[in-house]
C-alpha atoms as a PDB file:
ATOM      1  CA  MET A   1      75.700 179.010  98.185  1.00  0.00           C
ATOM      2  CA  SER A   2      73.211 180.618  95.907  1.00  0.00           C
ATOM      3  CA  GLY A   3      73.052 181.089  92.172  1.00  0.00           C
ATOM      4  CA  GLY A   4      71.423 183.842  90.181  1.00  0.00           C
ATOM      5  CA  ASP A   5      71.586 186.011  87.111  1.00  0.00           C
ATOM      6  CA  GLY A   6      73.856 188.611  88.662  1.00  0.00           C
ATOM      7  CA  PRO A   7      76.245 189.233  91.550  1.00  0.00           C
ATOM      8  CA  ALA A   8      74.911 188.555  95.002  1.00  0.00           C
ATOM      9  CA  ASP A   9      74.099 191.496  97.250  1.00  0.00           C
ATOM     10  CA  ALA A  10      76.829 190.363  99.631  1.00  0.00           C
ATOM     11  CA  GLU A  11      79.625 191.121  97.179  1.00  0.00           C
ATOM     12  CA  VAL A  12      82.318 193.147  98.903  1.00  0.00           C
ATOM     13  CA  THR A  13      83.448 196.256  97.093  1.00  0.00           C
ATOM     14  CA  ASP A  14      85.438 198.286  99.613  1.00  0.00           C
ATOM     15  CA  ALA A  15      88.291 197.750 102.019  1.00  0.00           C
ATOM     16  CA  THR A  16      86.244 198.675 105.080  1.00  0.00           C
ATOM     17  CA  ASP A  17      83.884 195.748 104.560  1.00  0.00           C
ATOM     18  CA  ALA A  18      86.594 193.406 103.318  1.00  0.00           C
ATOM     19  CA  GLY A  19      89.152 193.976 106.081  1.00  0.00           C
ATOM     20  CA  MET A  20      89.403 191.785 109.142  1.00  0.00           C
ATOM     21  CA  ASP A  21      89.150 193.236 112.615  1.00  0.00           C
ATOM     22  CA  VAL A  22      92.698 192.537 113.756  1.00  0.00           C
ATOM     23  CA  THR A  23      95.656 194.524 115.085  1.00  0.00           C
ATOM     24  CA  GLU A  24      99.367 194.060 114.490  1.00  0.00           C
ATOM     25  CA  ASP A  25      99.878 193.076 118.127  1.00  0.00           C
ATOM     26  CA  ASP A  26      97.098 190.514 117.851  1.00  0.00           C
ATOM     27  CA  LEU A  27      98.731 189.102 114.720  1.00  0.00           C
ATOM     28  CA  ARG A  28     102.098 188.854 116.472  1.00  0.00           C
ATOM     29  CA  GLU A  29     100.486 186.947 119.322  1.00  0.00           C
ATOM     30  CA  ARG A  30      98.932 184.478 116.885  1.00  0.00           C
ATOM     31  CA  PHE A  31     102.299 183.919 115.211  1.00  0.00           C
ATOM     32  CA  GLU A  32     103.936 183.446 118.621  1.00  0.00           C
ATOM     33  CA  ALA A  33     101.283 180.944 119.654  1.00  0.00           C
ATOM     34  CA  ALA A  34     102.007 178.926 116.504  1.00  0.00           C
ATOM     35  CA  ASP A  35     105.809 179.198 117.033  1.00  0.00           C
ATOM     36  CA  TYR A  36     106.096 181.002 113.697  1.00  0.00           C
ATOM     37  CA  VAL A  37     109.042 183.411 113.738  1.00  0.00           C
ATOM     38  CA  ALA A  38     107.969 186.581 111.915  1.00  0.00           C
ATOM     39  CA  ASP A  39     109.872 189.847 111.573  1.00  0.00           C
ATOM     40  CA  ASP A  40     108.244 193.289 111.558  1.00  0.00           C
ATOM     41  CA  THR A  41     108.071 193.500 107.757  1.00  0.00           C
ATOM     42  CA  LEU A  42     106.210 190.201 107.498  1.00  0.00           C
ATOM     43  CA  VAL A  43     103.800 191.067 110.310  1.00  0.00           C
ATOM     44  CA  THR A  44     103.007 194.496 108.864  1.00  0.00           C
ATOM     45  CA  THR A  45     102.520 193.177 105.317  1.00  0.00           C
ATOM     46  CA  VAL A  46     100.197 190.386 106.470  1.00  0.00           C
ATOM     47  CA  TYR A  47      98.318 192.861 108.671  1.00  0.00           C
ATOM     48  CA  LEU A  48      97.752 195.227 105.745  1.00  0.00           C
ATOM     49  CA  ALA A  49      96.600 192.375 103.517  1.00  0.00           C
ATOM     50  CA  LEU A  50      94.045 191.352 106.146  1.00  0.00           C
ATOM     51  CA  ARG A  51      92.814 194.884 106.823  1.00  0.00           C
ATOM     52  CA  LEU A  52      92.608 195.892 103.164  1.00  0.00           C
ATOM     53  CA  GLY A  53      91.110 192.595 102.040  1.00  0.00           C
ATOM     54  CA  LYS A  54      93.854 192.120  99.442  1.00  0.00           C
ATOM     55  CA  PRO A  55      95.511 188.876  98.312  1.00  0.00           C
ATOM     56  CA  LEU A  56      99.087 188.479  99.507  1.00  0.00           C
ATOM     57  CA  LEU A  57     101.656 187.306  96.947  1.00  0.00           C
ATOM     58  CA  ILE A  58     104.707 185.733  98.604  1.00  0.00           C
ATOM     59  CA  GLU A  59     107.801 184.930  96.556  1.00  0.00           C
ATOM     60  CA  GLY A  60     110.965 183.193  97.678  1.00  0.00           C
ATOM     61  CA  GLU A  61     113.104 180.103  97.440  1.00  0.00           C
ATOM     62  CA  PRO A  62     111.475 176.695  98.027  1.00  0.00           C
ATOM     63  CA  GLY A  63     111.408 175.747 101.690  1.00  0.00           C
ATOM     64  CA  SER A  64     111.492 179.328 102.980  1.00  0.00           C
ATOM     65  CA  GLY A  65     108.201 179.107 104.894  1.00  0.00           C
ATOM     66  CA  LYS A  66     105.764 180.564 102.355  1.00  0.00           C
ATOM     67  CA  THR A  67     103.252 177.721 102.511  1.00  0.00           C
ATOM     68  CA  GLU A  68     103.611 177.512 106.280  1.00  0.00           C
ATOM     69  CA  LEU A  69     102.358 181.093 106.579  1.00  0.00           C
ATOM     70  CA  GLY A  70      98.987 180.114 105.106  1.00  0.00           C
ATOM     71  CA  LYS A  71      98.721 177.187 107.501  1.00  0.00           C
ATOM     72  CA  VAL A  72      99.621 179.373 110.475  1.00  0.00           C
ATOM     73  CA  LEU A  73      96.991 181.968 109.556  1.00  0.00           C
ATOM     74  CA  ALA A  74      94.298 179.285 109.286  1.00  0.00           C
ATOM     75  CA  GLU A  75      95.342 177.878 112.660  1.00  0.00           C
ATOM     76  CA  GLY A  76      95.623 181.307 114.262  1.00  0.00           C
ATOM     77  CA  PHE A  77      92.147 182.408 113.169  1.00  0.00           C
ATOM     78  CA  ASP A  78      90.647 178.956 113.761  1.00  0.00           C
ATOM     79  CA  THR A  79      89.330 178.759 110.229  1.00  0.00           C
ATOM     80  CA  GLU A  80      89.427 176.388 107.272  1.00  0.00           C
ATOM     81  CA  LEU A  81      92.532 176.083 105.120  1.00  0.00           C
ATOM     82  CA  ILE A  82      91.639 175.556 101.445  1.00  0.00           C
ATOM     83  CA  ARG A  83      94.722 174.689  99.420  1.00  0.00           C
ATOM     84  CA  LEU A  84      95.009 174.822  95.655  1.00  0.00           C
ATOM     85  CA  GLN A  85      98.242 173.215  94.497  1.00  0.00           C
ATOM     86  CA  CYS A  86      99.152 174.550  91.059  1.00  0.00           C
ATOM     87  CA  TYR A  87     100.824 172.516  88.336  1.00  0.00           C
ATOM     88  CA  GLU A  88     101.537 172.750  84.640  1.00  0.00           C
ATOM     89  CA  GLY A  89      98.371 172.274  82.596  1.00  0.00           C
ATOM     90  CA  LEU A  90      96.017 173.156  85.463  1.00  0.00           C
ATOM     91  CA  ALA A  91      92.659 174.107  83.930  1.00  0.00           C
ATOM     92  CA  ALA A  92      90.096 176.518  85.343  1.00  0.00           C
ATOM     93  CA  GLU A  93      87.383 173.867  85.654  1.00  0.00           C
ATOM     94  CA  ASN A  94      89.664 171.759  87.853  1.00  0.00           C
ATOM     95  CA  THR A  95      89.810 174.579  90.372  1.00  0.00           C
ATOM     96  CA  LEU A  96      86.183 175.700  90.380  1.00  0.00           C
ATOM     97  CA  TYR A  97      83.551 172.982  90.118  1.00  0.00           C
ATOM     98  CA  GLU A  98      82.504 169.748  88.493  1.00  0.00           C
ATOM     99  CA  TRP A  99      79.045 168.369  87.886  1.00  0.00           C
ATOM    100  CA  ASN A 100      78.259 164.964  89.392  1.00  0.00           C
ATOM    101  CA  TYR A 101      77.250 163.466  86.068  1.00  0.00           C
ATOM    102  CA  THR A 102      76.608 159.996  87.484  1.00  0.00           C
ATOM    103  CA  LYS A 103      74.190 161.326  90.080  1.00  0.00           C
ATOM    104  CA  GLN A 104      72.517 163.555  87.499  1.00  0.00           C
ATOM    105  CA  LEU A 105      72.004 160.618  85.121  1.00  0.00           C
ATOM    106  CA  LEU A 106      70.570 158.412  87.868  1.00  0.00           C
ATOM    107  CA  ALA A 107      68.185 161.185  88.929  1.00  0.00           C
ATOM    108  CA  ILE A 108      66.940 161.660  85.375  1.00  0.00           C
ATOM    109  CA  GLN A 109      66.547 157.930  84.757  1.00  0.00           C
ATOM    110  CA  SER A 110      64.597 157.449  87.993  1.00  0.00           C
ATOM    111  CA  GLY A 111      62.334 160.375  87.194  1.00  0.00           C
ATOM    112  CA  GLU A 112      63.326 162.268  90.347  1.00  0.00           C
ATOM    113  CA  GLU A 113      64.650 165.213  88.368  1.00  0.00           C
ATOM    114  CA  SER A 114      64.453 166.606  84.870  1.00  0.00           C
ATOM    115  CA  VAL A 115      67.147 168.404  82.927  1.00  0.00           C
ATOM    116  CA  GLU A 116      65.038 171.552  82.897  1.00  0.00           C
ATOM    117  CA  ASP A 117      63.999 171.521  86.547  1.00  0.00           C
ATOM    118  CA  GLY A 118      66.785 170.399  88.810  1.00  0.00           C
ATOM    119  CA  VAL A 119      69.851 168.407  87.831  1.00  0.00           C
ATOM    120  CA  PHE A 120      71.883 171.600  87.518  1.00  0.00           C
ATOM    121  CA  SER A 121      71.427 172.556  91.154  1.00  0.00           C
ATOM    122  CA  GLU A 122      73.712 172.727  94.168  1.00  0.00           C
ATOM    123  CA  GLU A 123      72.902 169.138  95.078  1.00  0.00           C
ATOM    124  CA  TYR A 124      74.722 167.869  91.977  1.00  0.00           C
ATOM    125  CA  LEU A 125      77.688 170.240  92.170  1.00  0.00           C
ATOM    126  CA  PHE A 126      81.181 169.240  93.324  1.00  0.00           C
ATOM    127  CA  GLU A 127      82.957 172.282  94.727  1.00  0.00           C
ATOM    128  CA  ARG A 128      86.642 172.594  93.914  1.00  0.00           C
ATOM    129  CA  PRO A 129      88.992 174.847  95.949  1.00  0.00           C
ATOM    130  CA  LEU A 130      88.200 178.248  94.392  1.00  0.00           C
ATOM    131  CA  LEU A 131      84.430 177.784  94.563  1.00  0.00           C
ATOM    132  CA  ARG A 132      84.607 176.350  98.078  1.00  0.00           C
ATOM    133  CA  ALA A 133      86.564 179.410  99.209  1.00  0.00           C
ATOM    134  CA  LEU A 134      83.807 181.672  97.872  1.00  0.00           C
ATOM    135  CA  THR A 135      80.952 179.751  99.488  1.00  0.00           C
ATOM    136  CA  ALA A 136      82.462 179.067 102.926  1.00  0.00           C
ATOM    137  CA  ASP A 137      80.166 180.264 105.713  1.00  0.00           C
ATOM    138  CA  GLY A 138      82.211 179.904 108.912  1.00  0.00           C
ATOM    139  CA  ASP A 139      82.612 182.533 111.633  1.00  0.00           C
ATOM    140  CA  ALA A 140      85.896 183.615 110.035  1.00  0.00           C
ATOM    141  CA  PRO A 141      86.728 183.678 106.326  1.00  0.00           C
ATOM    142  CA  PRO A 142      88.729 180.677 105.132  1.00  0.00           C
ATOM    143  CA  VAL A 143      92.366 180.893 104.125  1.00  0.00           C
ATOM    144  CA  LEU A 144      92.715 180.198 100.406  1.00  0.00           C
ATOM    145  CA  LEU A 145      96.292 179.065  99.788  1.00  0.00           C
ATOM    146  CA  ILE A 146      97.148 179.131  96.079  1.00  0.00           C
ATOM    147  CA  ASP A 147     100.478 177.341  96.193  1.00  0.00           C
ATOM    148  CA  GLU A 148     103.246 177.645  93.586  1.00  0.00           C
ATOM    149  CA  VAL A 149     101.227 179.688  91.104  1.00  0.00           C
ATOM    150  CA  ASP A 150     104.330 180.001  88.912  1.00  0.00           C
ATOM    151  CA  ARG A 151     103.990 176.315  88.013  1.00  0.00           C
ATOM    152  CA  ALA A 152     100.614 176.959  86.356  1.00  0.00           C
ATOM    153  CA  ASP A 153     100.222 178.314  82.823  1.00  0.00           C
ATOM    154  CA  GLU A 154      99.733 181.985  82.039  1.00  0.00           C
ATOM    155  CA  GLU A 155      96.161 181.222  80.901  1.00  0.00           C
ATOM    156  CA  PHE A 156      95.294 180.009  84.393  1.00  0.00           C
ATOM    157  CA  GLU A 157      96.957 183.066  85.888  1.00  0.00           C
ATOM    158  CA  ALA A 158      94.671 185.283  83.782  1.00  0.00           C
ATOM    159  CA  PHE A 159      91.627 183.312  84.941  1.00  0.00           C
ATOM    160  CA  LEU A 160      92.763 183.584  88.555  1.00  0.00           C
ATOM    161  CA  LEU A 161      93.077 187.341  88.191  1.00  0.00           C
ATOM    162  CA  GLU A 162      89.445 187.503  87.063  1.00  0.00           C
ATOM    163  CA  VAL A 163      88.271 185.513  90.098  1.00  0.00           C
ATOM    164  CA  LEU A 164      90.290 187.622  92.538  1.00  0.00           C
ATOM    165  CA  SER A 165      89.034 190.885  91.038  1.00  0.00           C
ATOM    166  CA  ASP A 166      85.441 190.458  92.219  1.00  0.00           C
ATOM    167  CA  PHE A 167      85.549 187.262  94.270  1.00  0.00           C
ATOM    168  CA  GLN A 168      82.797 185.807  92.155  1.00  0.00           C
ATOM    169  CA  VAL A 169      82.432 183.203  89.419  1.00  0.00           C
ATOM    170  CA  THR A 170      79.720 182.406  86.898  1.00  0.00           C
ATOM    171  CA  ILE A 171      78.595 178.826  86.343  1.00  0.00           C
ATOM    172  CA  PRO A 172      76.704 178.762  83.019  1.00  0.00           C
ATOM    173  CA  GLU A 173      74.009 176.265  84.074  1.00  0.00           C
ATOM    174  CA  PHE A 174      73.727 177.625  87.611  1.00  0.00           C
ATOM    175  CA  GLY A 175      74.355 181.362  87.774  1.00  0.00           C
ATOM    176  CA  THR A 176      76.785 183.732  89.461  1.00  0.00           C
ATOM    177  CA  VAL A 177      78.243 182.842  92.850  1.00  0.00           C
ATOM    178  CA  SER A 178      79.696 185.667  94.932  1.00  0.00           C
ATOM    179  CA  ALA A 179      81.567 185.544  98.223  1.00  0.00           C
ATOM    180  CA  ALA A 180      79.556 186.885 101.128  1.00  0.00           C
ATOM    181  CA  ARG A 181      82.923 187.509 102.715  1.00  0.00           C
ATOM    182  CA  PRO A 182      86.144 187.259 100.685  1.00  0.00           C
ATOM    183  CA  PRO A 183      88.607 184.592 101.782  1.00  0.00           C
ATOM    184  CA  ILE A 184      92.079 185.380 103.085  1.00  0.00           C
ATOM    185  CA  VAL A 185      94.137 184.749  99.955  1.00  0.00           C
ATOM    186  CA  ILE A 186      97.787 183.702 100.125  1.00  0.00           C
ATOM    187  CA  ILE A 187      99.525 183.138  96.768  1.00  0.00           C
ATOM    188  CA  THR A 188     103.006 181.639  96.742  1.00  0.00           C
ATOM    189  CA  SER A 189     105.602 181.554  93.979  1.00  0.00           C
ATOM    190  CA  ASN A 190     109.071 180.026  93.732  1.00  0.00           C
ATOM    191  CA  ARG A 191     109.894 182.435  90.875  1.00  0.00           C
ATOM    192  CA  THR A 192     110.448 179.714  88.282  1.00  0.00           C
ATOM    193  CA  ARG A 193     108.855 182.178  85.852  1.00  0.00           C
ATOM    194  CA  GLY A 194     107.774 185.790  86.006  1.00  0.00           C
ATOM    195  CA  LEU A 195     104.200 186.602  86.984  1.00  0.00           C
ATOM    196  CA  SER A 196     102.074 189.154  85.168  1.00  0.00           C
ATOM    197  CA  ASP A 197     102.033 192.776  86.273  1.00  0.00           C
ATOM    198  CA  ALA A 198      98.238 192.571  86.434  1.00  0.00           C
ATOM    199  CA  LEU A 199      98.341 189.844  89.088  1.00  0.00           C
ATOM    200  CA  LYS A 200     101.000 191.683  91.066  1.00  0.00           C
ATOM    201  CA  ARG A 201      98.936 194.882  91.025  1.00  0.00           C
ATOM    202  CA  ARG A 202      95.991 192.974  92.479  1.00  0.00           C
ATOM    203  CA  CYS A 203      98.068 191.769  95.437  1.00  0.00           C
ATOM    204  CA  LEU A 204     100.262 193.028  98.223  1.00  0.00           C
ATOM    205  CA  TYR A 205     103.785 191.681  97.816  1.00  0.00           C
ATOM    206  CA  LEU A 206     106.243 190.026 100.179  1.00  0.00           C
ATOM    207  CA  HIS A 207     109.581 188.448  99.368  1.00  0.00           C
ATOM    208  CA  VAL A 208     110.823 185.855 101.851  1.00  0.00           C
ATOM    209  CA  ASP A 209     114.580 185.285 101.969  1.00  0.00           C
ATOM    210  CA  ALA A 210     116.341 182.419 103.675  1.00  0.00           C
ATOM    211  CA  PRO A 211     116.623 183.387 107.359  1.00  0.00           C
ATOM    212  CA  ASP A 212     119.867 184.603 108.869  1.00  0.00           C
ATOM    213  CA  TYR A 213     121.664 182.472 111.438  1.00  0.00           C
ATOM    214  CA  GLU A 214     120.059 183.961 114.568  1.00  0.00           C
ATOM    215  CA  THR A 215     116.544 183.730 113.144  1.00  0.00           C
ATOM    216  CA  GLU A 216     117.058 180.146 112.003  1.00  0.00           C
ATOM    217  CA  VAL A 217     118.320 179.125 115.436  1.00  0.00           C
ATOM    218  CA  GLU A 218     115.161 180.599 116.936  1.00  0.00           C
ATOM    219  CA  ILE A 219     113.016 178.672 114.447  1.00  0.00           C
ATOM    220  CA  VAL A 220     114.772 175.380 115.214  1.00  0.00           C
ATOM    221  CA  ARG A 221     114.554 175.856 118.976  1.00  0.00           C
ATOM    222  CA  ARG A 222     110.822 176.492 118.702  1.00  0.00           C
ATOM    223  CA  LYS A 223     109.997 173.734 116.243  1.00  0.00           C
ATOM    224  CA  VAL A 224     112.391 171.095 117.641  1.00  0.00           C
ATOM    225  CA  PRO A 225     112.363 171.800 121.392  1.00  0.00           C
ATOM    226  CA  GLY A 226     113.911 168.413 122.199  1.00  0.00           C
ATOM    227  CA  LEU A 227     117.202 169.392 120.534  1.00  0.00           C
ATOM    228  CA  ASP A 228     119.900 170.832 122.794  1.00  0.00           C
ATOM    229  CA  ALA A 229     120.527 174.556 122.235  1.00  0.00           C
ATOM    230  CA  ALA A 230     124.190 174.071 121.375  1.00  0.00           C
ATOM    231  CA  VAL A 231     123.358 171.311 118.876  1.00  0.00           C
ATOM    232  CA  ALA A 232     120.660 173.531 117.343  1.00  0.00           C
ATOM    233  CA  ALA A 233     123.306 176.222 116.884  1.00  0.00           C
ATOM    234  CA  GLU A 234     125.585 173.685 115.170  1.00  0.00           C
ATOM    235  CA  VAL A 235     122.792 172.552 112.852  1.00  0.00           C
ATOM    236  CA  CYS A 236     122.000 176.102 111.747  1.00  0.00           C
ATOM    237  CA  ALA A 237     125.659 177.041 111.299  1.00  0.00           C
ATOM    238  CA  ILE A 238     126.178 174.048 108.999  1.00  0.00           C
ATOM    239  CA  VAL A 239     123.075 174.920 106.961  1.00  0.00           C
ATOM    240  CA  GLN A 240     124.246 178.520 106.637  1.00  0.00           C
ATOM    241  CA  GLU A 241     127.610 177.235 105.401  1.00  0.00           C
ATOM    242  CA  LEU A 242     125.944 174.976 102.827  1.00  0.00           C
ATOM    243  CA  ARG A 243     123.876 177.903 101.529  1.00  0.00           C
ATOM    244  CA  GLU A 244     127.122 179.654 100.642  1.00  0.00           C
ATOM    245  CA  GLY A 245     128.054 176.805  98.308  1.00  0.00           C
ATOM    246  CA  ALA A 246     127.245 176.509  94.604  1.00  0.00           C
ATOM    247  CA  PHE A 247     124.734 173.696  95.003  1.00  0.00           C
ATOM    248  CA  LEU A 248     121.968 172.935  92.526  1.00  0.00           C
ATOM    249  CA  LYS A 249     119.413 173.121  95.335  1.00  0.00           C
ATOM    250  CA  ARG A 250     120.397 174.887  98.509  1.00  0.00           C
ATOM    251  CA  PRO A 251     118.661 173.751 101.707  1.00  0.00           C
ATOM    252  CA  GLY A 252     115.719 175.822 102.892  1.00  0.00           C
ATOM    253  CA  VAL A 253     114.151 176.148 106.315  1.00  0.00           C
ATOM    254  CA  ALA A 254     112.110 173.006 105.676  1.00  0.00           C
ATOM    255  CA  GLU A 255     115.320 171.026 105.164  1.00  0.00           C
ATOM    256  CA  THR A 256     116.871 172.579 108.272  1.00  0.00           C
ATOM    257  CA  LEU A 257     113.927 171.433 110.378  1.00  0.00           C
ATOM    258  CA  ASP A 258     113.997 167.961 108.808  1.00  0.00           C
ATOM    259  CA  TRP A 259     117.681 167.638 109.648  1.00  0.00           C
ATOM    260  CA  ALA A 260     117.233 168.969 113.192  1.00  0.00           C
ATOM    261  CA  ARG A 261     114.502 166.386 113.794  1.00  0.00           C
ATOM    262  CA  ALA A 262     116.674 163.657 112.265  1.00  0.00           C
ATOM    263  CA  VAL A 263     119.595 164.542 114.543  1.00  0.00           C
ATOM    264  CA  ALA A 264     117.305 164.573 117.579  1.00  0.00           C
ATOM    265  CA  GLU A 265     115.798 161.230 116.562  1.00  0.00           C
ATOM    266  CA  LEU A 266     119.161 159.489 116.155  1.00  0.00           C
ATOM    267  CA  ARG A 267     120.568 160.748 119.448  1.00  0.00           C
ATOM    268  CA  ALA A 268     119.903 159.521 122.947  1.00  0.00           C
ATOM    269  CA  PRO A 269     117.823 161.875 125.123  1.00  0.00           C
ATOM    270  CA  ALA A 270     119.843 164.777 126.561  1.00  0.00           C
ATOM    271  CA  ASP A 271     122.791 164.018 124.241  1.00  0.00           C
ATOM    272  CA  ASP A 272     124.454 167.403 123.709  1.00  0.00           C
ATOM    273  CA  SER A 273     127.736 166.203 122.221  1.00  0.00           C
ATOM    274  CA  ASP A 274     129.325 167.846 119.192  1.00  0.00           C
ATOM    275  CA  LEU A 275     128.047 167.000 115.726  1.00  0.00           C
ATOM    276  CA  THR A 276     130.596 164.794 113.989  1.00  0.00           C
ATOM    277  CA  ALA A 277     131.563 164.468 110.339  1.00  0.00           C
ATOM    278  CA  ALA A 278     130.149 160.926 110.320  1.00  0.00           C
ATOM    279  CA  GLU A 279     126.859 162.180 111.719  1.00  0.00           C
ATOM    280  CA  ILE A 280     126.650 164.902 109.083  1.00  0.00           C
ATOM    281  CA  GLU A 281     127.540 162.547 106.243  1.00  0.00           C
ATOM    282  CA  ARG A 282     124.990 159.837 107.023  1.00  0.00           C
ATOM    283  CA  THR A 283     122.124 162.325 107.425  1.00  0.00           C
ATOM    284  CA  ILE A 284     123.037 164.597 104.499  1.00  0.00           C
ATOM    285  CA  GLY A 285     120.013 163.306 102.559  1.00  0.00           C
ATOM    286  CA  THR A 286     117.761 165.477 104.710  1.00  0.00           C
ATOM    287  CA  LEU A 287     119.589 168.596 103.507  1.00  0.00           C
ATOM    288  CA  LEU A 288     120.719 167.985  99.931  1.00  0.00           C
ATOM    289  CA  LYS A 289     118.239 166.557  97.448  1.00  0.00           C
ATOM    290  CA  GLU A 290     120.291 166.331  94.233  1.00  0.00           C
ATOM    291  CA  VAL A 291     122.787 163.531  93.608  1.00  0.00           C
ATOM    292  CA  GLU A 292     125.316 166.011  92.202  1.00  0.00           C
ATOM    293  CA  ASP A 293     125.129 168.010  95.449  1.00  0.00           C
ATOM    294  CA  VAL A 294     125.508 164.926  97.640  1.00  0.00           C
ATOM    295  CA  LYS A 295     128.613 163.862  95.716  1.00  0.00           C
ATOM    296  CA  ARG A 296     130.233 167.214  96.484  1.00  0.00           C
ATOM    297  CA  VAL A 297     130.262 166.416 100.200  1.00  0.00           C
ATOM    298  CA  ASP A 298     133.903 165.377 100.530  1.00  0.00           C
ATOM    299  CA  THR A 299     136.416 165.403 103.394  1.00  0.00           C
ATOM    300  CA  THR A 300     137.338 169.032 102.799  1.00  0.00           C
ATOM    301  CA  LEU A 301     133.725 170.184 102.950  1.00  0.00           C
ATOM    302  CA  LEU A 302     133.001 168.070 106.021  1.00  0.00           C
ATOM    303  CA  GLU A 303     135.978 169.607 107.824  1.00  0.00           C
ATOM    304  CA  ARG A 304     134.704 173.069 106.955  1.00  0.00           C
ATOM    305  CA  LEU A 305     131.229 172.185 108.216  1.00  0.00           C
ATOM    306  CA  GLU A 306     132.657 170.791 111.453  1.00  0.00           C
ATOM    307  CA  ARG A 307     134.635 173.983 111.957  1.00  0.00           C
ATOM    308  CA  ALA A 308     131.531 176.140 111.422  1.00  0.00           C
ATOM    309  CA  ALA A 309     129.617 173.959 113.885  1.00  0.00           C
ATOM    310  CA  ARG A 310     132.366 174.185 116.505  1.00  0.00           C
ATOM    311  CA  GLU A 311     132.484 177.978 116.283  1.00  0.00           C
ATOM    312  CA  ALA A 312     128.695 178.185 116.588  1.00  0.00           C
ATOM    313  CA  ARG A 313     128.697 175.906 119.635  1.00  0.00           C
ATOM    314  CA  GLU A 314     131.353 177.980 121.367  1.00  0.00           C
ATOM    315  CA  ALA A 315     129.424 181.180 120.682  1.00  0.00           C
ATOM    316  CA  GLN A 316     126.181 179.609 121.908  1.00  0.00           C
ATOM    317  CA  GLU A 317     127.750 178.299 125.117  1.00  0.00           C
ATOM    318  CA  GLU A 318     129.355 181.689 125.748  1.00  0.00           C
ATOM    319  CA  ALA A 319     126.000 183.432 125.235  1.00  0.00           C
ATOM    320  CA  ASP A 320     124.236 180.926 127.519  1.00  0.00           C
ATOM    321  CA  GLY A 321     126.907 181.473 130.167  1.00  0.00           C
ATOM    322  CA  ALA A 322     126.517 185.250 129.951  1.00  0.00           C
ATOM    323  CA  ARG A 323     122.746 184.970 130.316  1.00  0.00           C
ATOM    324  CA  SER A 324     123.149 182.624 133.273  1.00  0.00           C
ATOM    325  CA  GLY A 325     125.574 185.031 134.926  1.00  0.00           C
ATOM    326  CA  ALA A 326     123.218 187.948 134.351  1.00  0.00           C
ATOM    327  CA  GLY A 327     120.366 185.966 135.878  1.00  0.00           C
ATOM    328  CA  GLU A 328     122.415 185.155 138.965  1.00  0.00           C
ATOM    329  CA  SER A 329     123.406 188.823 139.311  1.00  0.00           C
ATOM    330  CA  GLU A 330     119.761 189.896 139.146  1.00  0.00           C
ATOM    331  CA  ALA A 331     118.835 187.261 141.722  1.00  0.00           C
ATOM    332  CA  THR A 332     121.626 188.532 144.029  1.00  0.00           C
ATOM    333  CA  ILE A 333     120.441 192.113 143.624  1.00  0.00           C
ATOM    334  CA  ASP A 334     116.875 191.088 144.416  1.00  0.00           C
ATOM    335  CA  THR A 335     118.033 189.178 147.516  1.00  0.00           C
ATOM    336  CA  ASP A 336     120.118 192.131 148.703  1.00  0.00           C
ATOM    337  CA  ALA A 337     117.180 194.463 148.163  1.00  0.00           C
ATOM    338  CA  GLU A 338     114.899 192.183 150.154  1.00  0.00           C
ATOM    339  CA  THR A 339     117.504 191.994 152.958  1.00  0.00           C
ATOM    340  CA  ASP A 340     117.853 195.775 153.037  1.00  0.00           C
ATOM    341  CA  ALA A 341     114.100 196.185 153.049  1.00  0.00           C
ATOM    342  CA  GLY A 342     113.807 193.673 155.907  1.00  0.00           C
ATOM    343  CA  ALA A 343     116.494 195.432 157.927  1.00  0.00           C
ATOM    344  CA  GLU A 344     114.791 198.766 157.364  1.00  0.00           C
ATOM    345  CA  THR A 345     111.477 197.333 158.543  1.00  0.00           C
ATOM    346  CA  ASP A 346     113.120 195.855 161.646  1.00  0.00           C
ATOM    347  CA  GLY A 347     114.734 199.208 162.373  1.00  0.00           C
ATOM    348  CA  GLU A 348     111.414 201.015 162.055  1.00  0.00           C
ATOM    349  CA  SER A 349     109.762 198.484 164.375  1.00  0.00           C
ATOM    350  CA  ALA A 350     112.512 198.911 166.965  1.00  0.00           C
ATOM    351  CA  THR A 351     112.204 202.688 166.795  1.00  0.00           C
ATOM    352  CA  ALA A 352     108.435 202.495 167.214  1.00  0.00           C
ATOM    353  CA  LEU A 353     108.884 200.187 170.244  1.00  0.00           C
ATOM    354  CA  ASP A 354     111.366 202.576 171.857  1.00  0.00           C
ATOM    355  CA  ASP A 355     108.991 205.487 171.305  1.00  0.00           C
ATOM    356  CA  GLY A 356     106.124 203.538 172.800  1.00  0.00           C
ATOM    357  CA  THR A 357     108.227 202.604 175.842  1.00  0.00           C
ATOM    358  CA  ALA A 358     109.244 206.205 176.323  1.00  0.00           C
ATOM    359  CA  ARG A 359     105.665 207.409 176.178  1.00  0.00           C
ATOM    360  CA  GLY A 360     104.583 204.668 178.583  1.00  0.00           C
ATOM    361  CA  GLY A 361     107.309 205.690 181.080  1.00  0.00           C
END
């Protein structure tokens, strides 16, 4: 990190310099390696954000995988994840830097430093998330995850917009610090309040909905591999049913995964029996997080959830059977082809032997 009177020469001003050298296929492979299920819209939007060097604003319900995306990108690019958790009353200085006043005072008292010469230097500076994201010097830019920006005040949002405009900040006693290479910026919002048009214009935008049934089953099977496929189908069918209800807080993907892991933990290994009403009821705290919602889980609702689970299991077992049958058919075709090829080879060998005998005679 270096300070000065003006922006550093390394400040990035165009998309060509700012963009990362990555392809959509490469991005898909990184998501696959991290077992992160991403559709084409998500992959393309993230790709464009990386190539254009733009922050990505992701909105959606809590538990829909917004924060996980930042973590997956940091893991996929083998770089540092710098997380700034927003909250009401968050001030700019809490996100940028803080002077180590105790160390400064000790240095002045010991005569090692003077106020004029050196106590306002990098040695006495605590870097907070935004400043650390600007000064990171790894092989790949860090991922700056600004989580739940809607919980912060509008004043902080305006300050954040200023930082993201030029990827530089000015510290009065130190100078201007500019990013040699802008971080990958992921901003998440649960939409508890509207964000300014100015911030939205600065970013690319992605809205993440709760996944459909098929996608959620895929997520559970990847993240909780120890859970039987039919049970995973039951889990996701029940969650989908709960999302249709008028609950204060509907379960998100995070709750689905928590419940899937809870079911797997409470069962004996290789237990693929049907989910029961008793099993659902005693683990409902992993799905519903409001007492009013929990109290709504009565016999009628449990019967409906059991019915949804049973239908999902039947569909899953039918699909697994069809895939198994298709695999056996392909194996039979391959075996027949090999047999035919072997017979043809034997026939050619016999013909060649007869020809050789005839020529010898």
